[in-house]
Amino acid sequence: MPFRRAVRVFAAAALSFWTALVPALRPAVADSAPPPGASAVVFAYDRFGEDQNPSISIRIDQFEAHLDELTDGDYRVLPLPKILEALRTGKPLPDRTVAITIDEASRSAFTEAWPRLKAANLPFTLFVATDAVDRGSPTHMTWGEIRQLAAAGVTIGALGTSTQSMLARSPEHLAADLRRMSDRFQAELGRRPTIFSYPQGEYSLAVRQLVMDQGFAAAFGQQSGVLHAQADPWSLPRFVMNETYGNVDRFELAANALPLPVSDLTPDDPLVTVNPPPLGFTIADGVGDSSKLACFATGQGRTALERIAEDRVEVRIKDPFPPGRARVNCTLPTADGRWRWLGVQFLIPE
């Protein structure tokens, strides 16, 4: 697998350099739960109707069911930059605020998703990987088509030069790639991107730092969760939708989710050095009955939890994760039938 090869190279040749490059960075401290109207759910799509790629594609009937839910339900779909600005400045957002994002700029995003989103009058953000567009790949949009979307009001963000993991590249190579990508945006769209999506949702603290150094105001992974004002702007969550996890019931559950704000999250680097990772966090005040918290680990189901203090929880992951990506999702029911949600993604080298 490309990810495993990439991480093996990275772990063998560059991990110590990355670790020395930047000090440990932690998310903003969340002392209390955000008030109503201070959060938003972001959905992440990639390809549409490509049944041969079910892990990154969603069926058209599933996508249409999502759009029907958003247009018929009690949601407010807003442009992503407007949501980010509101969270940054403390401006209230409507309850059940939602944003739609699409990664990669695939051909099916243009031919299948774009007409349906336009007909539903729903704003969205397109994250572009520039190399495939520059090569004229038949599976991707052209710059002319991306300009057409931009002219229609679609927000254009950056996915890097390619959809491959950023972890395998040296800091110098990665910084050069980010500059080259930004130059291509300037040349083709007349402006540089300000929001970023980590390819495959994979990042380390050091990758995060380089993205910050390039001047991006926000960056998104692929861990589940809900945006709120106290969240780290350069490791923001999204609910990924694909054929396997794209049924409308899951979509509705996610669209109604609320944030589970925490602080002192450990380990603070998604690229783990201890496996299983010693996951722990301090729950913010005002989230409800935290005794009902439940956490689920990839391939292991529900995990044991140990409460170290009244608000400090440690997740006892039983077995080491295999190399690749692994996730832990923690949920907490609310009195009105919704769910608070915290997702953590780990990257495990071979």
Protein backbone atom coordinates (compact mmCIF):
# COMPACT_ATOMS: atom_id res chain seq x y z
CA MET A 1 0.00 0.00 0.00
CA PRO A 2 1.26 3.52 -0.75
CA PHE A 3 0.56 4.67 2.79
CA ARG A 4 2.58 1.87 4.34
CA ARG A 5 5.51 2.38 2.02
CA ALA A 6 5.37 6.10 2.65
CA VAL A 7 5.27 5.82 6.41
CA ARG A 8 8.00 3.16 6.44
CA VAL A 9 10.31 5.49 4.51
CA PHE A 10 9.34 8.37 6.71
CA ALA A 11 9.83 6.49 9.95
CA ALA A 12 13.19 5.14 8.92
CA ALA A 13 14.72 8.29 7.45
CA ALA A 14 13.01 11.39 8.74
CA LEU A 15 11.19 10.88 12.04
CA SER A 16 13.99 12.18 14.22
CA PHE A 17 14.45 15.24 12.00
CA TRP A 18 10.72 16.03 12.12
CA THR A 19 10.64 15.63 15.88
CA ALA A 20 13.46 18.10 16.30
CA LEU A 21 11.94 20.56 13.84
CA VAL A 22 9.08 21.81 15.97
CA PRO A 23 8.11 21.70 19.65
CA ALA A 24 5.02 19.84 20.77
CA LEU A 25 1.83 21.70 19.89
CA ARG A 26 -1.48 21.21 21.65
CA PRO A 27 -5.00 22.23 20.67
CA ALA A 28 -6.51 25.28 22.26
CA VAL A 29 -7.73 24.63 25.80
CA ALA A 30 -11.46 23.88 26.01
CA ASP A 31 -12.57 24.83 29.53
CA SER A 32 -16.30 24.64 28.84
CA ALA A 33 -18.66 23.36 26.18
CA PRO A 34 -19.48 25.81 23.38
CA PRO A 35 -22.89 27.44 23.75
CA PRO A 36 -25.66 26.68 21.22
CA GLY A 37 -24.90 28.27 17.88
CA ALA A 38 -21.15 27.97 18.29
CA SER A 39 -20.40 24.83 16.29
CA ALA A 40 -20.70 23.36 12.81
CA VAL A 41 -20.51 19.97 11.12
CA VAL A 42 -18.34 19.59 8.01
CA PHE A 43 -18.83 16.72 5.57
CA ALA A 44 -16.05 15.41 3.32
CA TYR A 45 -16.67 13.74 -0.04
CA ASP A 46 -14.26 12.67 -2.74
CA ARG A 47 -15.75 10.91 -5.77
CA PHE A 48 -19.30 10.31 -6.89
CA GLY A 49 -20.87 7.30 -8.56
CA GLU A 50 -17.54 5.54 -9.11
CA ASP A 51 -18.61 2.10 -7.97
CA GLN A 52 -15.13 0.72 -8.65
CA ASN A 53 -13.77 2.98 -5.89
CA PRO A 54 -16.19 2.44 -2.96
CA SER A 55 -13.67 3.52 -0.31
CA ILE A 56 -13.47 7.05 -1.75
CA SER A 57 -16.71 7.27 -3.76
CA ILE A 58 -20.33 7.59 -2.75
CA ARG A 59 -23.26 6.23 -4.73
CA ILE A 60 -25.38 8.84 -6.48
CA ASP A 61 -28.54 7.70 -4.70
CA GLN A 62 -26.78 8.09 -1.35
CA PHE A 63 -25.57 11.58 -2.24
CA GLU A 64 -29.03 12.62 -3.40
CA ALA A 65 -30.47 11.35 -0.10
CA HIS A 66 -27.95 13.54 1.74
CA LEU A 67 -28.98 16.58 -0.26
CA ASP A 68 -32.65 15.84 0.37
CA GLU A 69 -31.94 15.65 4.10
CA LEU A 70 -30.11 18.98 4.05
CA THR A 71 -32.78 20.78 2.01
CA ASP A 72 -35.79 19.26 3.80
CA GLY A 73 -34.40 19.19 7.34
CA ASP A 74 -33.68 21.86 9.91
CA TYR A 75 -30.15 22.68 8.75
CA ARG A 76 -28.29 25.75 7.57
CA VAL A 77 -25.66 24.97 4.92
CA LEU A 78 -23.12 27.80 4.82
CA PRO A 79 -19.86 28.47 2.93
CA LEU A 80 -16.92 27.11 4.87
CA PRO A 81 -15.06 30.47 5.08
CA LYS A 82 -18.14 32.06 6.65
CA ILE A 83 -18.24 29.33 9.31
CA LEU A 84 -14.53 29.65 10.07
CA GLU A 85 -14.80 33.43 10.38
CA ALA A 86 -17.77 33.15 12.74
CA LEU A 87 -15.95 30.68 14.98
CA ARG A 88 -12.84 32.87 14.95
CA THR A 89 -14.67 36.06 15.88
CA GLY A 90 -17.31 34.60 18.18
CA LYS A 91 -20.20 35.45 15.88
CA PRO A 92 -23.21 33.17 16.48
CA LEU A 93 -24.02 30.45 13.98
CA PRO A 94 -27.44 28.87 13.46
CA ASP A 95 -27.96 25.58 15.24
CA ARG A 96 -27.25 22.62 12.94
CA THR A 97 -24.90 24.59 10.73
CA VAL A 98 -23.35 22.38 8.05
CA ALA A 99 -20.60 22.75 5.43
CA ILE A 100 -19.92 20.52 2.43
CA THR A 101 -16.39 19.83 1.17
CA ILE A 102 -15.09 17.78 -1.76
CA ASP A 103 -11.47 16.62 -2.01
CA GLU A 104 -9.35 16.09 -5.12
CA ALA A 105 -11.32 17.85 -7.93
CA SER A 106 -12.25 14.61 -9.67
CA ARG A 107 -14.15 14.46 -12.93
CA SER A 108 -17.16 12.93 -11.15
CA ALA A 109 -17.24 15.85 -8.71
CA PHE A 110 -17.74 18.15 -11.69
CA THR A 111 -20.18 16.02 -13.69
CA GLU A 112 -22.19 14.46 -10.85
CA ALA A 113 -21.88 16.47 -7.63
CA TRP A 114 -21.68 20.01 -9.00
CA PRO A 115 -24.99 19.95 -10.98
CA ARG A 116 -26.85 18.51 -7.99
CA LEU A 117 -25.38 20.97 -5.51
CA LYS A 118 -26.11 23.85 -7.87
CA ALA A 119 -29.72 22.71 -8.32
CA ALA A 120 -30.11 22.48 -4.54
CA ASN A 121 -28.48 25.92 -4.12
CA LEU A 122 -26.01 24.52 -1.60
CA PRO A 123 -22.55 26.10 -1.21
CA PHE A 124 -19.48 23.90 -0.98
CA THR A 125 -15.69 23.93 -0.89
CA LEU A 126 -13.50 22.12 -3.42
CA PHE A 127 -10.00 21.12 -2.27
CA VAL A 128 -7.73 20.82 -5.32
CA ALA A 129 -4.64 18.64 -5.76
CA THR A 130 -2.75 20.54 -8.45
CA ASP A 131 -0.53 17.93 -10.12
CA ALA A 132 -3.37 15.82 -11.55
CA VAL A 133 -5.03 18.96 -12.92
CA ASP A 134 -1.75 20.14 -14.44
CA ARG A 135 -1.21 16.75 -16.11
CA GLY A 136 -4.59 16.95 -17.78
CA SER A 137 -5.71 13.71 -16.16
CA PRO A 138 -9.03 12.53 -17.68
CA THR A 139 -10.22 11.58 -14.18
CA HIS A 140 -9.89 15.15 -12.92
CA MET A 141 -11.22 18.61 -13.64
CA THR A 142 -9.38 21.11 -15.79
CA TRP A 143 -8.29 24.51 -14.55
CA GLY A 144 -10.98 26.00 -16.78
CA GLU A 145 -13.64 23.97 -15.00
CA ILE A 146 -12.25 24.92 -11.61
CA ARG A 147 -12.38 28.57 -12.66
CA GLN A 148 -16.00 28.01 -13.69
CA LEU A 149 -16.83 26.74 -10.20
CA ALA A 150 -14.93 29.60 -8.57
CA ALA A 151 -16.83 32.13 -10.69
CA ALA A 152 -20.09 30.54 -9.49
CA GLY A 153 -19.12 31.13 -5.87
CA VAL A 154 -17.57 27.77 -4.97
CA THR A 155 -14.76 28.12 -2.42
CA ILE A 156 -11.49 26.67 -3.76
CA GLY A 157 -9.09 25.27 -1.18
CA ALA A 158 -5.84 23.33 -1.43
CA LEU A 159 -5.18 19.60 -1.11
CA GLY A 160 -1.47 19.79 -1.88
CA THR A 161 0.27 18.84 -5.07
CA SER A 162 -1.04 15.26 -4.92
CA THR A 163 -3.38 13.03 -2.95
CA GLN A 164 -0.47 11.02 -1.53
CA SER A 165 0.46 11.17 2.13
CA MET A 166 2.57 14.16 3.11
CA LEU A 167 4.46 12.18 5.74
CA ALA A 168 6.93 10.51 3.36
CA ARG A 169 8.41 13.78 2.11
CA SER A 170 11.26 15.60 3.79
CA PRO A 171 10.48 19.02 5.32
CA GLU A 172 12.37 20.73 2.49
CA HIS A 173 10.54 18.74 -0.19
CA LEU A 174 7.17 19.31 1.45
CA ALA A 175 7.72 23.04 1.87
CA ALA A 176 8.74 23.29 -1.78
CA ASP A 177 5.64 21.34 -2.83
CA LEU A 178 3.38 23.64 -0.83
CA ARG A 179 4.97 26.72 -2.41
CA ARG A 180 4.67 25.21 -5.91
CA MET A 181 1.03 24.37 -5.27
CA SER A 182 0.32 27.91 -4.05
CA ASP A 183 2.06 29.36 -7.13
CA ARG A 184 -0.18 27.26 -9.39
CA PHE A 185 -3.28 28.63 -7.63
CA GLN A 186 -1.99 32.16 -8.12
CA ALA A 187 -1.28 31.57 -11.79
CA GLU A 188 -4.57 29.83 -12.61
CA LEU A 189 -7.06 31.41 -10.19
CA GLY A 190 -5.45 34.75 -9.42
CA ARG A 191 -5.15 34.13 -5.68
CA ARG A 192 -3.43 31.84 -3.24
CA PRO A 193 -5.40 29.31 -1.17
CA THR A 194 -6.08 30.02 2.49
CA ILE A 195 -7.65 26.75 3.64
CA PHE A 196 -6.06 23.32 3.37
CA SER A 197 -7.08 19.66 3.44
CA TYR A 198 -4.43 17.13 4.46
CA PRO A 199 -4.26 14.40 1.77
CA GLN A 200 -5.97 11.29 3.15
CA GLY A 201 -6.41 13.25 6.37
CA GLU A 202 -2.85 12.38 7.40
CA TYR A 203 -0.66 14.83 9.28
CA SER A 204 1.83 14.99 12.11
CA LEU A 205 2.59 17.95 14.36
CA ALA A 206 5.50 18.83 12.11
CA VAL A 207 3.40 18.66 8.93
CA ARG A 208 0.84 20.83 10.69
CA GLN A 209 3.56 23.34 11.50
CA LEU A 210 4.70 23.56 7.87
CA VAL A 211 1.11 24.15 6.74
CA MET A 212 0.85 26.92 9.31
CA ASP A 213 4.17 28.38 8.12
CA GLN A 214 2.79 28.57 4.58
CA GLY A 215 0.11 30.95 5.85
CA PHE A 216 -2.98 28.74 5.77
CA ALA A 217 -5.69 29.98 8.11
CA ALA A 218 -7.19 26.53 8.67
CA ALA A 219 -6.54 22.89 7.79
CA PHE A 220 -8.78 19.83 7.85
CA GLY A 221 -8.17 16.17 8.55
CA GLN A 222 -10.50 13.20 8.18
CA GLN A 223 -11.15 12.42 11.84
CA SER A 224 -14.79 12.62 12.83
CA GLY A 225 -15.97 15.50 14.96
CA VAL A 226 -17.58 18.92 15.09
CA LEU A 227 -16.02 22.35 14.62
CA HIS A 228 -16.15 24.76 17.55
CA ALA A 229 -14.38 27.96 18.51
CA GLN A 230 -11.89 26.27 20.86
CA ALA A 231 -10.78 23.65 18.33
CA ASP A 232 -7.29 23.81 16.84
CA PRO A 233 -7.69 25.59 13.47
CA TRP A 234 -5.01 23.40 11.80
CA SER A 235 -6.43 20.01 12.77
CA LEU A 236 -10.15 20.45 12.18
CA PRO A 237 -12.43 17.41 11.88
CA ARG A 238 -14.80 16.30 9.13
CA PHE A 239 -17.24 13.44 8.74
CA VAL A 240 -16.11 11.41 5.73
CA MET A 241 -18.86 10.09 3.47
CA ASN A 242 -18.30 7.13 1.16
CA GLU A 243 -20.27 4.16 -0.10
CA THR A 244 -19.67 2.07 3.03
CA TYR A 245 -20.41 4.82 5.55
CA GLY A 246 -22.80 6.92 3.50
CA ASN A 247 -26.27 5.71 4.45
CA VAL A 248 -28.67 8.53 5.21
CA ASP A 249 -29.16 7.48 8.86
CA ARG A 250 -25.45 7.94 9.57
CA PHE A 251 -25.51 11.20 7.65
CA GLU A 252 -28.42 12.49 9.72
CA LEU A 253 -26.71 11.40 12.95
CA ALA A 254 -23.56 13.29 11.98
CA ALA A 255 -25.41 16.36 10.73
CA ASN A 256 -27.03 16.71 14.16
CA ALA A 257 -23.83 16.12 16.12
CA LEU A 258 -22.46 18.53 18.71
CA PRO A 259 -18.83 19.02 19.73
CA LEU A 260 -17.23 17.10 22.58
CA PRO A 261 -14.62 19.70 23.59
CA VAL A 262 -11.54 18.45 25.43
CA SER A 263 -8.14 19.73 26.48
CA ASP A 264 -4.78 18.14 27.30
CA LEU A 265 -5.23 15.53 24.59
CA THR A 266 -2.50 12.88 24.66
CA PRO A 267 -0.64 11.82 22.66
CA ASP A 268 -0.55 15.22 21.00
CA ASP A 269 1.02 13.93 17.77
CA PRO A 270 -1.14 11.74 15.47
CA LEU A 271 2.05 9.97 14.32
CA VAL A 272 2.38 7.52 17.18
CA THR A 273 5.57 6.22 18.75
CA VAL A 274 3.84 4.00 21.33
CA ASN A 275 1.33 1.41 20.11
CA PRO A 276 -1.36 1.14 21.32
CA PRO A 277 -1.35 4.90 21.89
CA PRO A 278 -2.09 6.10 25.44
CA LEU A 279 -5.11 8.22 24.57
CA GLY A 280 -6.35 10.57 27.26
CA PHE A 281 -8.13 13.90 27.55
CA THR A 282 -9.83 16.31 29.94
CA ILE A 283 -13.51 16.87 29.23
CA ALA A 284 -14.76 20.46 29.25
CA ASP A 285 -17.37 21.61 31.73
CA GLY A 286 -21.00 21.67 30.71
CA VAL A 287 -21.06 18.76 28.25
CA GLY A 288 -23.66 16.77 30.19
CA ASP A 289 -23.38 13.46 32.01
CA SER A 290 -19.84 12.40 31.12
CA SER A 291 -20.40 9.02 32.78
CA LYS A 292 -22.25 8.09 29.57
CA LEU A 293 -19.14 8.61 27.46
CA ALA A 294 -18.27 5.69 25.17
CA CYS A 295 -15.21 5.27 22.93
CA PHE A 296 -14.71 2.88 20.02
CA ALA A 297 -11.37 1.91 18.42
CA THR A 298 -10.78 0.72 14.87
CA GLY A 299 -11.06 -3.06 14.70
CA GLN A 300 -11.56 -3.39 18.47
CA GLY A 301 -15.01 -2.02 19.18
CA ARG A 302 -15.84 -0.40 22.48
CA THR A 303 -12.85 0.33 24.68
CA ALA A 304 -12.45 0.45 28.44
CA LEU A 305 -12.34 3.90 30.00
CA GLU A 306 -10.60 4.91 33.21
CA ARG A 307 -11.57 8.11 34.95
CA ILE A 308 -8.40 9.55 36.48
CA ALA A 309 -10.17 12.57 37.96
CA GLU A 310 -13.66 14.01 37.78
CA ASP A 311 -13.06 15.33 34.26
CA ARG A 312 -9.96 13.37 33.13
CA VAL A 313 -10.49 10.23 31.05
CA GLU A 314 -7.96 7.73 29.74
CA VAL A 315 -8.94 5.36 26.94
CA ARG A 316 -7.53 1.87 27.43
CA ILE A 317 -6.98 0.60 23.90
CA LYS A 318 -6.50 -3.12 24.30
CA ASP A 319 -4.39 -4.17 21.30
CA PRO A 320 -1.78 -2.46 19.10
CA PHE A 321 -3.12 -1.07 15.85
CA PRO A 322 -1.74 -2.51 12.59
CA PRO A 323 0.33 -0.17 10.37
CA GLY A 324 -1.70 2.49 8.60
CA ARG A 325 -4.51 4.68 9.82
CA ALA A 326 -6.54 3.98 12.96
CA ARG A 327 -9.28 5.93 14.66
CA VAL A 328 -10.91 6.26 18.03
CA ASN A 329 -14.37 7.83 18.15
CA CYS A 330 -15.86 8.96 21.45
CA THR A 331 -19.53 9.87 21.78
CA LEU A 332 -21.71 11.25 24.54
CA PRO A 333 -25.53 11.40 24.33
CA THR A 334 -27.32 14.63 25.17
CA ALA A 335 -30.65 15.08 26.89
CA ASP A 336 -32.36 16.07 23.63
CA GLY A 337 -31.30 12.95 21.73
CA ARG A 338 -28.25 14.33 19.92
CA TRP A 339 -24.65 13.17 20.29
CA ARG A 340 -21.47 14.95 21.24
CA TRP A 341 -18.60 13.61 19.16
CA LEU A 342 -14.80 13.50 19.39
CA GLY A 343 -12.72 11.67 16.78
CA VAL A 344 -8.97 11.04 16.91
CA GLN A 345 -6.97 9.63 14.02
CA PHE A 346 -3.63 7.89 14.56
CA LEU A 347 -0.93 7.08 11.99
CA ILE A 348 0.98 3.91 12.78
CA PRO A 349 4.35 3.28 11.07
CA GLU A 350 5.51 -0.22 10.24
